[in-house]
Amino acid sequence: MVGSYLNPETDPLGDVDIELTYGRKITDPKAVSAYARASGRSFNTYLDQLMWPQTELVQHLKKRSAFSNITLEDITRFTDRSETIYSIDIDIDTDTKAVPPPADRTLVSR
């Protein structure tokens, strides 16, 4: 997290700035494309289709909130004021804090 949220004297708070770093389990472009098509959405470009898992993740985390700003960029390029409030291990199976995906969501893999 960065910004006014880290300053205890800021009142009222504006939005919460969140840096998100993640890894993909599925990297095969054909499998990612199949996953995107299975979503039922239409895409303007092939690149949009390949970026769908990332877009879906950010949309899910943001939940249309006007009070959260999620960036995928390295925030150390912008500020030296940041704090990690939650981190998941690389191996999600060993992270007891990680919430498993909903049972109705399936990933397309080869």
PDB file of N, CA and C in Angstrom:
ATOM      1  N   MET A   1       0.832  -1.166   0.000  1.00  0.00           N
ATOM      2  CA  MET A   1       0.000   0.000   0.000  1.00  0.00           C
ATOM      3  C   MET A   1       0.878   1.231   0.000  1.00  0.00           C
ATOM      4  N   VAL A   2       0.353   2.242  -0.608  1.00  0.00           N
ATOM      5  CA  VAL A   2       1.066   3.510  -0.677  1.00  0.00           C
ATOM      6  C   VAL A   2       0.074   4.636  -0.466  1.00  0.00           C
ATOM      7  N   GLY A   3       0.600   5.855  -0.378  1.00  0.00           N
ATOM      8  CA  GLY A   3      -0.247   7.040  -0.363  1.00  0.00           C
ATOM      9  C   GLY A   3      -0.751   7.413   1.013  1.00  0.00           C
ATOM     10  N   SER A   4      -1.881   8.119   1.022  1.00  0.00           N
ATOM     11  CA  SER A   4      -2.426   8.696   2.249  1.00  0.00           C
ATOM     12  C   SER A   4      -2.805   7.646   3.287  1.00  0.00           C
ATOM     13  N   TYR A   5      -3.073   6.424   2.862  1.00  0.00           N
ATOM     14  CA  TYR A   5      -3.450   5.372   3.796  1.00  0.00           C
ATOM     15  C   TYR A   5      -2.348   5.122   4.829  1.00  0.00           C
ATOM     16  N   LEU A   6      -1.090   5.344   4.443  1.00  0.00           N
ATOM     17  CA  LEU A   6       0.030   5.101   5.350  1.00  0.00           C
ATOM     18  C   LEU A   6       0.279   6.257   6.310  1.00  0.00           C
ATOM     19  N   ASN A   7      -0.374   7.383   6.098  1.00  0.00           N
ATOM     20  CA  ASN A   7      -0.201   8.544   6.964  1.00  0.00           C
ATOM     21  C   ASN A   7      -1.343   8.576   7.975  1.00  0.00           C
ATOM     22  N   PRO A   8      -1.058   8.323   9.270  1.00  0.00           N
ATOM     23  CA  PRO A   8      -2.123   8.262  10.277  1.00  0.00           C
ATOM     24  C   PRO A   8      -2.807   9.611  10.502  1.00  0.00           C
ATOM     25  N   GLU A   9      -2.195  10.698  10.037  1.00  0.00           N
ATOM     26  CA  GLU A   9      -2.786  12.020  10.245  1.00  0.00           C
ATOM     27  C   GLU A   9      -3.746  12.422   9.124  1.00  0.00           C
ATOM     28  N   THR A  10      -3.834  11.626   8.088  1.00  0.00           N
ATOM     29  CA  THR A  10      -4.729  11.939   6.979  1.00  0.00           C
ATOM     30  C   THR A  10      -6.151  11.547   7.340  1.00  0.00           C
ATOM     31  N   ASP A  11      -7.049  12.535   7.325  1.00  0.00           N
ATOM     32  CA  ASP A  11      -8.453  12.284   7.631  1.00  0.00           C
ATOM     33  C   ASP A  11      -9.297  13.303   6.895  1.00  0.00           C
ATOM     34  N   PRO A  12     -10.231  12.953   6.098  1.00  0.00           N
ATOM     35  CA  PRO A  12     -10.615  11.586   5.770  1.00  0.00           C
ATOM     36  C   PRO A  12      -9.702  11.017   4.698  1.00  0.00           C
ATOM     37  N   LEU A  13      -9.669   9.711   4.629  1.00  0.00           N
ATOM     38  CA  LEU A  13      -8.875   9.040   3.607  1.00  0.00           C
ATOM     39  C   LEU A  13      -9.538   9.197   2.249  1.00  0.00           C
ATOM     40  N   GLY A  14      -8.716   9.254   1.223  1.00  0.00           N
ATOM     41  CA  GLY A  14      -9.241   9.261  -0.141  1.00  0.00           C
ATOM     42  C   GLY A  14      -9.385   7.830  -0.600  1.00  0.00           C
ATOM     43  N   ASP A  15      -8.576   7.453  -1.557  1.00  0.00           N
ATOM     44  CA  ASP A  15      -8.617   6.072  -2.018  1.00  0.00           C
ATOM     45  C   ASP A  15      -7.435   5.305  -1.446  1.00  0.00           C
ATOM     46  N   VAL A  16      -7.458   4.002  -1.614  1.00  0.00           N
ATOM     47  CA  VAL A  16      -6.374   3.131  -1.178  1.00  0.00           C
ATOM     48  C   VAL A  16      -5.639   2.682  -2.432  1.00  0.00           C
ATOM     49  N   ASP A  17      -4.340   2.943  -2.471  1.00  0.00           N
ATOM     50  CA  ASP A  17      -3.509   2.549  -3.606  1.00  0.00           C
ATOM     51  C   ASP A  17      -2.868   1.210  -3.299  1.00  0.00           C
ATOM     52  N   ILE A  18      -3.054   0.242  -4.195  1.00  0.00           N
ATOM     53  CA  ILE A  18      -2.573  -1.117  -3.971  1.00  0.00           C
ATOM     54  C   ILE A  18      -1.710  -1.554  -5.150  1.00  0.00           C
ATOM     55  N   GLU A  19      -0.487  -2.038  -4.834  1.00  0.00           N
ATOM     56  CA  GLU A  19       0.348  -2.647  -5.859  1.00  0.00           C
ATOM     57  C   GLU A  19       0.081  -4.142  -5.835  1.00  0.00           C
ATOM     58  N   LEU A  20      -0.165  -4.701  -7.005  1.00  0.00           N
ATOM     59  CA  LEU A  20      -0.445  -6.128  -7.116  1.00  0.00           C
ATOM     60  C   LEU A  20       0.646  -6.784  -7.948  1.00  0.00           C
ATOM     61  N   THR A  21       1.251  -7.811  -7.384  1.00  0.00           N
ATOM     62  CA  THR A  21       2.222  -8.625  -8.098  1.00  0.00           C
ATOM     63  C   THR A  21       1.705 -10.057  -8.040  1.00  0.00           C
ATOM     64  N   TYR A  22       1.659 -10.714  -9.182  1.00  0.00           N
ATOM     65  CA  TYR A  22       1.116 -12.066  -9.219  1.00  0.00           C
ATOM     66  C   TYR A  22       1.865 -12.883 -10.254  1.00  0.00           C
ATOM     67  N   GLY A  23       1.667 -14.170 -10.209  1.00  0.00           N
ATOM     68  CA  GLY A  23       2.238 -15.067 -11.202  1.00  0.00           C
ATOM     69  C   GLY A  23       1.132 -15.894 -11.819  1.00  0.00           C
ATOM     70  N   ARG A  24       1.338 -16.309 -13.037  1.00  0.00           N
ATOM     71  CA  ARG A  24       0.342 -17.132 -13.721  1.00  0.00           C
ATOM     72  C   ARG A  24       0.720 -18.597 -13.631  1.00  0.00           C
ATOM     73  N   LYS A  25      -0.265 -19.427 -13.346  1.00  0.00           N
ATOM     74  CA  LYS A  25      -0.031 -20.867 -13.383  1.00  0.00           C
ATOM     75  C   LYS A  25      -0.082 -21.367 -14.813  1.00  0.00           C
ATOM     76  N   ILE A  26      -0.898 -20.734 -15.639  1.00  0.00           N
ATOM     77  CA  ILE A  26      -1.042 -21.138 -17.036  1.00  0.00           C
ATOM     78  C   ILE A  26      -0.393 -20.082 -17.908  1.00  0.00           C
ATOM     79  N   THR A  27       0.624 -20.471 -18.652  1.00  0.00           N
ATOM     80  CA  THR A  27       1.322 -19.513 -19.507  1.00  0.00           C
ATOM     81  C   THR A  27       1.215 -19.853 -20.985  1.00  0.00           C
ATOM     82  N   ASP A  28       0.695 -21.017 -21.306  1.00  0.00           N
ATOM     83  CA  ASP A  28       0.538 -21.413 -22.698  1.00  0.00           C
ATOM     84  C   ASP A  28      -0.514 -20.528 -23.360  1.00  0.00           C
ATOM     85  N   PRO A  29      -0.149 -19.769 -24.417  1.00  0.00           N
ATOM     86  CA  PRO A  29      -1.100 -18.851 -25.053  1.00  0.00           C
ATOM     87  C   PRO A  29      -2.389 -19.529 -25.526  1.00  0.00           C
ATOM     88  N   LYS A  30      -2.307 -20.771 -26.007  1.00  0.00           N
ATOM     89  CA  LYS A  30      -3.514 -21.467 -26.462  1.00  0.00           C
ATOM     90  C   LYS A  30      -4.460 -21.745 -25.294  1.00  0.00           C
ATOM     91  N   ALA A  31      -3.904 -22.134 -24.164  1.00  0.00           N
ATOM     92  CA  ALA A  31      -4.728 -22.409 -22.986  1.00  0.00           C
ATOM     93  C   ALA A  31      -5.333 -21.117 -22.438  1.00  0.00           C
ATOM     94  N   VAL A  32      -4.544 -20.022 -22.418  1.00  0.00           N
ATOM     95  CA  VAL A  32      -5.052 -18.735 -21.947  1.00  0.00           C
ATOM     96  C   VAL A  32      -6.163 -18.246 -22.871  1.00  0.00           C
ATOM     97  N   SER A  33      -5.971 -18.403 -24.174  1.00  0.00           N
ATOM     98  CA  SER A  33      -6.981 -18.012 -25.153  1.00  0.00           C
ATOM     99  C   SER A  33      -8.264 -18.819 -24.967  1.00  0.00           C
ATOM    100  N   ALA A  34      -8.135 -20.104 -24.713  1.00  0.00           N
ATOM    101  CA  ALA A  34      -9.307 -20.948 -24.477  1.00  0.00           C
ATOM    102  C   ALA A  34     -10.040 -20.515 -23.206  1.00  0.00           C
ATOM    103  N   TYR A  35      -9.298 -20.174 -22.178  1.00  0.00           N
ATOM    104  CA  TYR A  35      -9.895 -19.687 -20.928  1.00  0.00           C
ATOM    105  C   TYR A  35     -10.676 -18.396 -21.182  1.00  0.00           C
ATOM    106  N   ALA A  36     -10.072 -17.496 -21.960  1.00  0.00           N
ATOM    107  CA  ALA A  36     -10.731 -16.224 -22.264  1.00  0.00           C
ATOM    108  C   ALA A  36     -12.015 -16.451 -23.057  1.00  0.00           C
ATOM    109  N   ARG A  37     -11.959 -17.309 -24.061  1.00  0.00           N
ATOM    110  CA  ARG A  37     -13.155 -17.603 -24.862  1.00  0.00           C
ATOM    111  C   ARG A  37     -14.250 -18.219 -24.000  1.00  0.00           C
ATOM    112  N   ALA A  38     -13.854 -19.069 -23.053  1.00  0.00           N
ATOM    113  CA  ALA A  38     -14.829 -19.722 -22.171  1.00  0.00           C
ATOM    114  C   ALA A  38     -15.536 -18.722 -21.258  1.00  0.00           C
ATOM    115  N   SER A  39     -14.969 -17.538 -21.103  1.00  0.00           N
ATOM    116  CA  SER A  39     -15.592 -16.525 -20.254  1.00  0.00           C
ATOM    117  C   SER A  39     -16.854 -15.959 -20.894  1.00  0.00           C
ATOM    118  N   GLY A  40     -17.001 -16.153 -22.211  1.00  0.00           N
ATOM    119  CA  GLY A  40     -18.164 -15.636 -22.907  1.00  0.00           C
ATOM    120  C   GLY A  40     -18.045 -14.173 -23.320  1.00  0.00           C
ATOM    121  N   ARG A  41     -16.927 -13.569 -23.037  1.00  0.00           N
ATOM    122  CA  ARG A  41     -16.712 -12.170 -23.402  1.00  0.00           C
ATOM    123  C   ARG A  41     -16.185 -12.063 -24.821  1.00  0.00           C
ATOM    124  N   SER A  42     -16.354 -10.882 -25.396  1.00  0.00           N
ATOM    125  CA  SER A  42     -15.750 -10.636 -26.702  1.00  0.00           C
ATOM    126  C   SER A  42     -14.560  -9.707 -26.498  1.00  0.00           C
ATOM    127  N   PHE A  43     -13.556  -9.866 -27.337  1.00  0.00           N
ATOM    128  CA  PHE A  43     -12.315  -9.107 -27.192  1.00  0.00           C
ATOM    129  C   PHE A  43     -12.004  -8.403 -28.503  1.00  0.00           C
ATOM    130  N   ASN A  44     -11.527  -7.165 -28.411  1.00  0.00           N
ATOM    131  CA  ASN A  44     -11.196  -6.388 -29.601  1.00  0.00           C
ATOM    132  C   ASN A  44      -9.958  -6.922 -30.300  1.00  0.00           C
ATOM    133  N   THR A  45      -8.997  -7.402 -29.512  1.00  0.00           N
ATOM    134  CA  THR A  45      -7.742  -7.882 -30.092  1.00  0.00           C
ATOM    135  C   THR A  45      -7.337  -9.194 -29.434  1.00  0.00           C
ATOM    136  N   TYR A  46      -6.418  -9.886 -30.093  1.00  0.00           N
ATOM    137  CA  TYR A  46      -5.867 -11.120 -29.529  1.00  0.00           C
ATOM    138  C   TYR A  46      -5.121 -10.823 -28.228  1.00  0.00           C
ATOM    139  N   LEU A  47      -4.437  -9.684 -28.178  1.00  0.00           N
ATOM    140  CA  LEU A  47      -3.727  -9.296 -26.956  1.00  0.00           C
ATOM    141  C   LEU A  47      -4.710  -9.098 -25.798  1.00  0.00           C
ATOM    142  N   ASP A  48      -5.864  -8.474 -26.068  1.00  0.00           N
ATOM    143  CA  ASP A  48      -6.883  -8.330 -25.026  1.00  0.00           C
ATOM    144  C   ASP A  48      -7.316  -9.695 -24.504  1.00  0.00           C
ATOM    145  N   GLN A  49      -7.432 -10.650 -25.415  1.00  0.00           N
ATOM    146  CA  GLN A  49      -7.818 -12.008 -25.043  1.00  0.00           C
ATOM    147  C   GLN A  49      -6.745 -12.637 -24.148  1.00  0.00           C
ATOM    148  N   LEU A  50      -5.476 -12.460 -24.510  1.00  0.00           N
ATOM    149  CA  LEU A  50      -4.391 -13.024 -23.710  1.00  0.00           C
ATOM    150  C   LEU A  50      -4.258 -12.339 -22.347  1.00  0.00           C
ATOM    151  N   MET A  51      -4.681 -11.087 -22.269  1.00  0.00           N
ATOM    152  CA  MET A  51      -4.595 -10.340 -21.010  1.00  0.00           C
ATOM    153  C   MET A  51      -5.832 -10.536 -20.134  1.00  0.00           C
ATOM    154  N   TRP A  52      -6.830 -11.291 -20.616  1.00  0.00           N
ATOM    155  CA  TRP A  52      -8.071 -11.464 -19.866  1.00  0.00           C
ATOM    156  C   TRP A  52      -7.858 -11.985 -18.442  1.00  0.00           C
ATOM    157  N   PRO A  53      -7.021 -12.977 -18.183  1.00  0.00           N
ATOM    158  CA  PRO A  53      -6.856 -13.427 -16.787  1.00  0.00           C
ATOM    159  C   PRO A  53      -6.413 -12.291 -15.859  1.00  0.00           C
ATOM    160  N   GLN A  54      -5.514 -11.435 -16.332  1.00  0.00           N
ATOM    161  CA  GLN A  54      -5.055 -10.294 -15.532  1.00  0.00           C
ATOM    162  C   GLN A  54      -6.197  -9.298 -15.327  1.00  0.00           C
ATOM    163  N   THR A  55      -6.916  -8.995 -16.383  1.00  0.00           N
ATOM    164  CA  THR A  55      -8.038  -8.055 -16.296  1.00  0.00           C
ATOM    165  C   THR A  55      -9.108  -8.580 -15.349  1.00  0.00           C
ATOM    166  N   GLU A  56      -9.410  -9.859 -15.465  1.00  0.00           N
ATOM    167  CA  GLU A  56     -10.411 -10.484 -14.602  1.00  0.00           C
ATOM    168  C   GLU A  56      -9.978 -10.418 -13.140  1.00  0.00           C
ATOM    169  N   LEU A  57      -8.708 -10.669 -12.871  1.00  0.00           N
ATOM    170  CA  LEU A  57      -8.191 -10.624 -11.508  1.00  0.00           C
ATOM    171  C   LEU A  57      -8.360  -9.235 -10.913  1.00  0.00           C
ATOM    172  N   VAL A  58      -7.954  -8.209 -11.639  1.00  0.00           N
ATOM    173  CA  VAL A  58      -8.052  -6.831 -11.136  1.00  0.00           C
ATOM    174  C   VAL A  58      -9.522  -6.452 -10.928  1.00  0.00           C
ATOM    175  N   GLN A  59     -10.386  -6.810 -11.863  1.00  0.00           N
ATOM    176  CA  GLN A  59     -11.812  -6.509 -11.710  1.00  0.00           C
ATOM    177  C   GLN A  59     -12.378  -7.195 -10.471  1.00  0.00           C
ATOM    178  N   HIS A  60     -11.996  -8.445 -10.247  1.00  0.00           N
ATOM    179  CA  HIS A  60     -12.484  -9.184  -9.088  1.00  0.00           C
ATOM    180  C   HIS A  60     -12.022  -8.527  -7.784  1.00  0.00           C
ATOM    181  N   LEU A  61     -10.772  -8.117  -7.735  1.00  0.00           N
ATOM    182  CA  LEU A  61     -10.240  -7.503  -6.515  1.00  0.00           C
ATOM    183  C   LEU A  61     -10.812  -6.111  -6.274  1.00  0.00           C
ATOM    184  N   LYS A  62     -11.018  -5.370  -7.330  1.00  0.00           N
ATOM    185  CA  LYS A  62     -11.516  -3.999  -7.202  1.00  0.00           C
ATOM    186  C   LYS A  62     -13.002  -3.958  -6.856  1.00  0.00           C
ATOM    187  N   LYS A  63     -13.779  -4.880  -7.366  1.00  0.00           N
ATOM    188  CA  LYS A  63     -15.220  -4.954  -7.095  1.00  0.00           C
ATOM    189  C   LYS A  63     -15.926  -3.614  -7.340  1.00  0.00           C
ATOM    190  N   ARG A  64     -15.514  -2.907  -8.395  1.00  0.00           N
ATOM    191  CA  ARG A  64     -16.113  -1.622  -8.788  1.00  0.00           C
ATOM    192  C   ARG A  64     -16.024  -0.553  -7.712  1.00  0.00           C
ATOM    193  N   SER A  65     -15.078  -0.685  -6.810  1.00  0.00           N
ATOM    194  CA  SER A  65     -14.919   0.298  -5.746  1.00  0.00           C
ATOM    195  C   SER A  65     -14.209   1.545  -6.262  1.00  0.00           C
ATOM    196  N   ALA A  66     -14.779   2.693  -5.951  1.00  0.00           N
ATOM    197  CA  ALA A  66     -14.147   3.959  -6.311  1.00  0.00           C
ATOM    198  C   ALA A  66     -13.041   4.307  -5.314  1.00  0.00           C
ATOM    199  N   PHE A  67     -12.928   3.524  -4.252  1.00  0.00           N
ATOM    200  CA  PHE A  67     -11.973   3.836  -3.196  1.00  0.00           C
ATOM    201  C   PHE A  67     -10.721   2.977  -3.232  1.00  0.00           C
ATOM    202  N   SER A  68     -10.581   2.140  -4.250  1.00  0.00           N
ATOM    203  CA  SER A  68      -9.352   1.362  -4.374  1.00  0.00           C
ATOM    204  C   SER A  68      -8.764   1.571  -5.767  1.00  0.00           C
ATOM    205  N   ASN A  69      -7.461   1.720  -5.791  1.00  0.00           N
ATOM    206  CA  ASN A  69      -6.723   1.897  -7.037  1.00  0.00           C
ATOM    207  C   ASN A  69      -5.676   0.799  -7.088  1.00  0.00           C
ATOM    208  N   ILE A  70      -5.806  -0.111  -8.044  1.00  0.00           N
ATOM    209  CA  ILE A  70      -4.884  -1.243  -8.145  1.00  0.00           C
ATOM    210  C   ILE A  70      -3.941  -1.015  -9.314  1.00  0.00           C
ATOM    211  N   THR A  71      -2.647  -1.106  -9.033  1.00  0.00           N
ATOM    212  CA  THR A  71      -1.649  -0.968 -10.087  1.00  0.00           C
ATOM    213  C   THR A  71      -0.810  -2.234 -10.159  1.00  0.00           C
ATOM    214  N   LEU A  72      -0.378  -2.568 -11.354  1.00  0.00           N
ATOM    215  CA  LEU A  72       0.497  -3.719 -11.556  1.00  0.00           C
ATOM    216  C   LEU A  72       1.938  -3.270 -11.762  1.00  0.00           C
ATOM    217  N   GLU A  73       2.167  -1.966 -11.641  1.00  0.00           N
ATOM    218  CA  GLU A  73       3.510  -1.417 -11.830  1.00  0.00           C
ATOM    219  C   GLU A  73       4.301  -1.473 -10.532  1.00  0.00           C
ATOM    220  N   ASP A  74       5.605  -1.405 -10.638  1.00  0.00           N
ATOM    221  CA  ASP A  74       6.490  -1.390  -9.480  1.00  0.00           C
ATOM    222  C   ASP A  74       6.411  -0.015  -8.829  1.00  0.00           C
ATOM    223  N   ILE A  75       5.781   0.072  -7.662  1.00  0.00           N
ATOM    224  CA  ILE A  75       5.554   1.370  -7.033  1.00  0.00           C
ATOM    225  C   ILE A  75       6.830   2.016  -6.496  1.00  0.00           C
ATOM    226  N   THR A  76       7.897   1.251  -6.375  1.00  0.00           N
ATOM    227  CA  THR A  76       9.146   1.856  -5.903  1.00  0.00           C
ATOM    228  C   THR A  76       9.686   2.865  -6.917  1.00  0.00           C
ATOM    229  N   ARG A  77       9.152   2.825  -8.135  1.00  0.00           N
ATOM    230  CA  ARG A  77       9.529   3.833  -9.133  1.00  0.00           C
ATOM    231  C   ARG A  77       8.879   5.179  -8.832  1.00  0.00           C
ATOM    232  N   PHE A  78       7.798   5.174  -8.036  1.00  0.00           N
ATOM    233  CA  PHE A  78       7.041   6.393  -7.764  1.00  0.00           C
ATOM    234  C   PHE A  78       7.244   6.941  -6.367  1.00  0.00           C
ATOM    235  N   THR A  79       7.483   6.053  -5.396  1.00  0.00           N
ATOM    236  CA  THR A  79       7.532   6.483  -3.999  1.00  0.00           C
ATOM    237  C   THR A  79       8.431   5.567  -3.177  1.00  0.00           C
ATOM    238  N   ASP A  80       8.911   6.087  -2.073  1.00  0.00           N
ATOM    239  CA  ASP A  80       9.663   5.252  -1.138  1.00  0.00           C
ATOM    240  C   ASP A  80       8.797   4.925   0.083  1.00  0.00           C
ATOM    241  N   ARG A  81       7.550   5.383   0.066  1.00  0.00           N
ATOM    242  CA  ARG A  81       6.606   5.112   1.162  1.00  0.00           C
ATOM    243  C   ARG A  81       5.652   4.000   0.732  1.00  0.00           C
ATOM    244  N   SER A  82       5.896   2.805   1.210  1.00  0.00           N
ATOM    245  CA  SER A  82       5.001   1.689   0.918  1.00  0.00           C
ATOM    246  C   SER A  82       5.088   0.683   2.056  1.00  0.00           C
ATOM    247  N   GLU A  83       4.093  -0.173   2.118  1.00  0.00           N
ATOM    248  CA  GLU A  83       4.044  -1.184   3.166  1.00  0.00           C
ATOM    249  C   GLU A  83       3.343  -2.421   2.619  1.00  0.00           C
ATOM    250  N   THR A  84       3.915  -3.592   2.872  1.00  0.00           N
ATOM    251  CA  THR A  84       3.278  -4.841   2.483  1.00  0.00           C
ATOM    252  C   THR A  84       2.309  -5.234   3.584  1.00  0.00           C
ATOM    253  N   ILE A  85       1.038  -5.400   3.220  1.00  0.00           N
ATOM    254  CA  ILE A  85       0.051  -5.781   4.233  1.00  0.00           C
ATOM    255  C   ILE A  85      -0.379  -7.235   4.084  1.00  0.00           C
ATOM    256  N   TYR A  86      -0.135  -7.824   2.912  1.00  0.00           N
ATOM    257  CA  TYR A  86      -0.464  -9.238   2.715  1.00  0.00           C
ATOM    258  C   TYR A  86       0.387  -9.775   1.581  1.00  0.00           C
ATOM    259  N   SER A  87       0.887 -10.967   1.752  1.00  0.00           N
ATOM    260  CA  SER A  87       1.700 -11.610   0.735  1.00  0.00           C
ATOM    261  C   SER A  87       1.394 -13.100   0.736  1.00  0.00           C
ATOM    262  N   ILE A  88       1.325 -13.680  -0.452  1.00  0.00           N
ATOM    263  CA  ILE A  88       1.069 -15.115  -0.589  1.00  0.00           C
ATOM    264  C   ILE A  88       2.351 -15.774  -1.081  1.00  0.00           C
ATOM    265  N   ASP A  89       2.674 -16.928  -0.496  1.00  0.00           N
ATOM    266  CA  ASP A  89       3.831 -17.696  -0.949  1.00  0.00           C
ATOM    267  C   ASP A  89       3.692 -18.052  -2.424  1.00  0.00           C
ATOM    268  N   ILE A  90       4.832 -18.321  -3.052  1.00  0.00           N
ATOM    269  CA  ILE A  90       4.826 -18.794  -4.429  1.00  0.00           C
ATOM    270  C   ILE A  90       4.007 -20.081  -4.536  1.00  0.00           C
ATOM    271  N   ASP A  91       4.173 -20.975  -3.575  1.00  0.00           N
ATOM    272  CA  ASP A  91       3.436 -22.239  -3.569  1.00  0.00           C
ATOM    273  C   ASP A  91       2.145 -22.035  -2.779  1.00  0.00           C
ATOM    274  N   ILE A  92       1.053 -21.752  -3.478  1.00  0.00           N
ATOM    275  CA  ILE A  92      -0.214 -21.432  -2.823  1.00  0.00           C
ATOM    276  C   ILE A  92      -0.731 -22.595  -1.972  1.00  0.00           C
ATOM    277  N   ASP A  93      -0.316 -23.815  -2.262  1.00  0.00           N
ATOM    278  CA  ASP A  93      -0.780 -24.965  -1.487  1.00  0.00           C
ATOM    279  C   ASP A  93      -0.235 -24.972  -0.069  1.00  0.00           C
ATOM    280  N   THR A  94       0.889 -24.287   0.171  1.00  0.00           N
ATOM    281  CA  THR A  94       1.463 -24.272   1.509  1.00  0.00           C
ATOM    282  C   THR A  94       1.104 -23.002   2.277  1.00  0.00           C
ATOM    283  N   ASP A  95       0.428 -22.060   1.653  1.00  0.00           N
ATOM    284  CA  ASP A  95       0.060 -20.811   2.311  1.00  0.00           C
ATOM    285  C   ASP A  95      -1.303 -20.975   2.974  1.00  0.00           C
ATOM    286  N   THR A  96      -1.312 -21.047   4.297  1.00  0.00           N
ATOM    287  CA  THR A  96      -2.557 -21.268   5.027  1.00  0.00           C
ATOM    288  C   THR A  96      -3.471 -20.044   5.005  1.00  0.00           C
ATOM    289  N   LYS A  97      -2.955 -18.872   4.642  1.00  0.00           N
ATOM    290  CA  LYS A  97      -3.774 -17.657   4.577  1.00  0.00           C
ATOM    291  C   LYS A  97      -4.500 -17.530   3.240  1.00  0.00           C
ATOM    292  N   ALA A  98      -4.050 -18.247   2.238  1.00  0.00           N
ATOM    293  CA  ALA A  98      -4.614 -18.104   0.897  1.00  0.00           C
ATOM    294  C   ALA A  98      -6.018 -18.702   0.825  1.00  0.00           C
ATOM    295  N   VAL A  99      -6.896 -17.964   0.184  1.00  0.00           N
ATOM    296  CA  VAL A  99      -8.265 -18.432  -0.017  1.00  0.00           C
ATOM    297  C   VAL A  99      -8.313 -19.196  -1.334  1.00  0.00           C
ATOM    298  N   PRO A 100      -8.808 -20.422  -1.326  1.00  0.00           N
ATOM    299  CA  PRO A 100      -8.859 -21.188  -2.577  1.00  0.00           C
ATOM    300  C   PRO A 100      -9.882 -20.571  -3.528  1.00  0.00           C
ATOM    301  N   PRO A 101      -9.705 -20.787  -4.830  1.00  0.00           N
ATOM    302  CA  PRO A 101     -10.681 -20.254  -5.783  1.00  0.00           C
ATOM    303  C   PRO A 101     -12.039 -20.925  -5.592  1.00  0.00           C
ATOM    304  N   PRO A 102     -13.119 -20.240  -5.983  1.00  0.00           N
ATOM    305  CA  PRO A 102     -14.438 -20.846  -5.859  1.00  0.00           C
ATOM    306  C   PRO A 102     -14.518 -22.150  -6.647  1.00  0.00           C
ATOM    307  N   ALA A 103     -15.307 -23.088  -6.169  1.00  0.00           N
ATOM    308  CA  ALA A 103     -15.418 -24.405  -6.795  1.00  0.00           C
ATOM    309  C   ALA A 103     -15.999 -24.333  -8.203  1.00  0.00           C
ATOM    310  N   ASP A 104     -16.787 -23.285  -8.488  1.00  0.00           N
ATOM    311  CA  ASP A 104     -17.408 -23.179  -9.808  1.00  0.00           C
ATOM    312  C   ASP A 104     -16.492 -22.565 -10.845  1.00  0.00           C
ATOM    313  N   ARG A 105     -15.255 -22.205 -10.492  1.00  0.00           N
ATOM    314  CA  ARG A 105     -14.295 -21.631 -11.431  1.00  0.00           C
ATOM    315  C   ARG A 105     -13.285 -22.699 -11.806  1.00  0.00           C
ATOM    316  N   THR A 106     -13.127 -22.944 -13.079  1.00  0.00           N
ATOM    317  CA  THR A 106     -12.149 -23.933 -13.524  1.00  0.00           C
ATOM    318  C   THR A 106     -11.188 -23.273 -14.480  1.00  0.00           C
ATOM    319  N   LEU A 107      -9.953 -23.708 -14.441  1.00  0.00           N
ATOM    320  CA  LEU A 107      -8.931 -23.210 -15.337  1.00  0.00           C
ATOM    321  C   LEU A 107      -8.755 -24.180 -16.489  1.00  0.00           C
ATOM    322  N   VAL A 108      -8.538 -23.650 -17.650  1.00  0.00           N
ATOM    323  CA  VAL A 108      -8.283 -24.484 -18.821  1.00  0.00           C
ATOM    324  C   VAL A 108      -6.788 -24.728 -18.887  1.00  0.00           C
ATOM    325  N   SER A 109      -6.369 -25.955 -18.914  1.00  0.00           N
ATOM    326  CA  SER A 109      -4.930 -26.249 -19.010  1.00  0.00           C
ATOM    327  C   SER A 109      -4.712 -27.431 -19.931  1.00  0.00           C
ATOM    328  N   ARG A 110      -3.474 -27.609 -20.334  1.00  0.00           N
ATOM    329  CA  ARG A 110      -3.108 -28.714 -21.201  1.00  0.00           C
ATOM    330  C   ARG A 110      -2.156 -29.623 -20.478  1.00  0.00           C
TER     331      ARG A 110
END
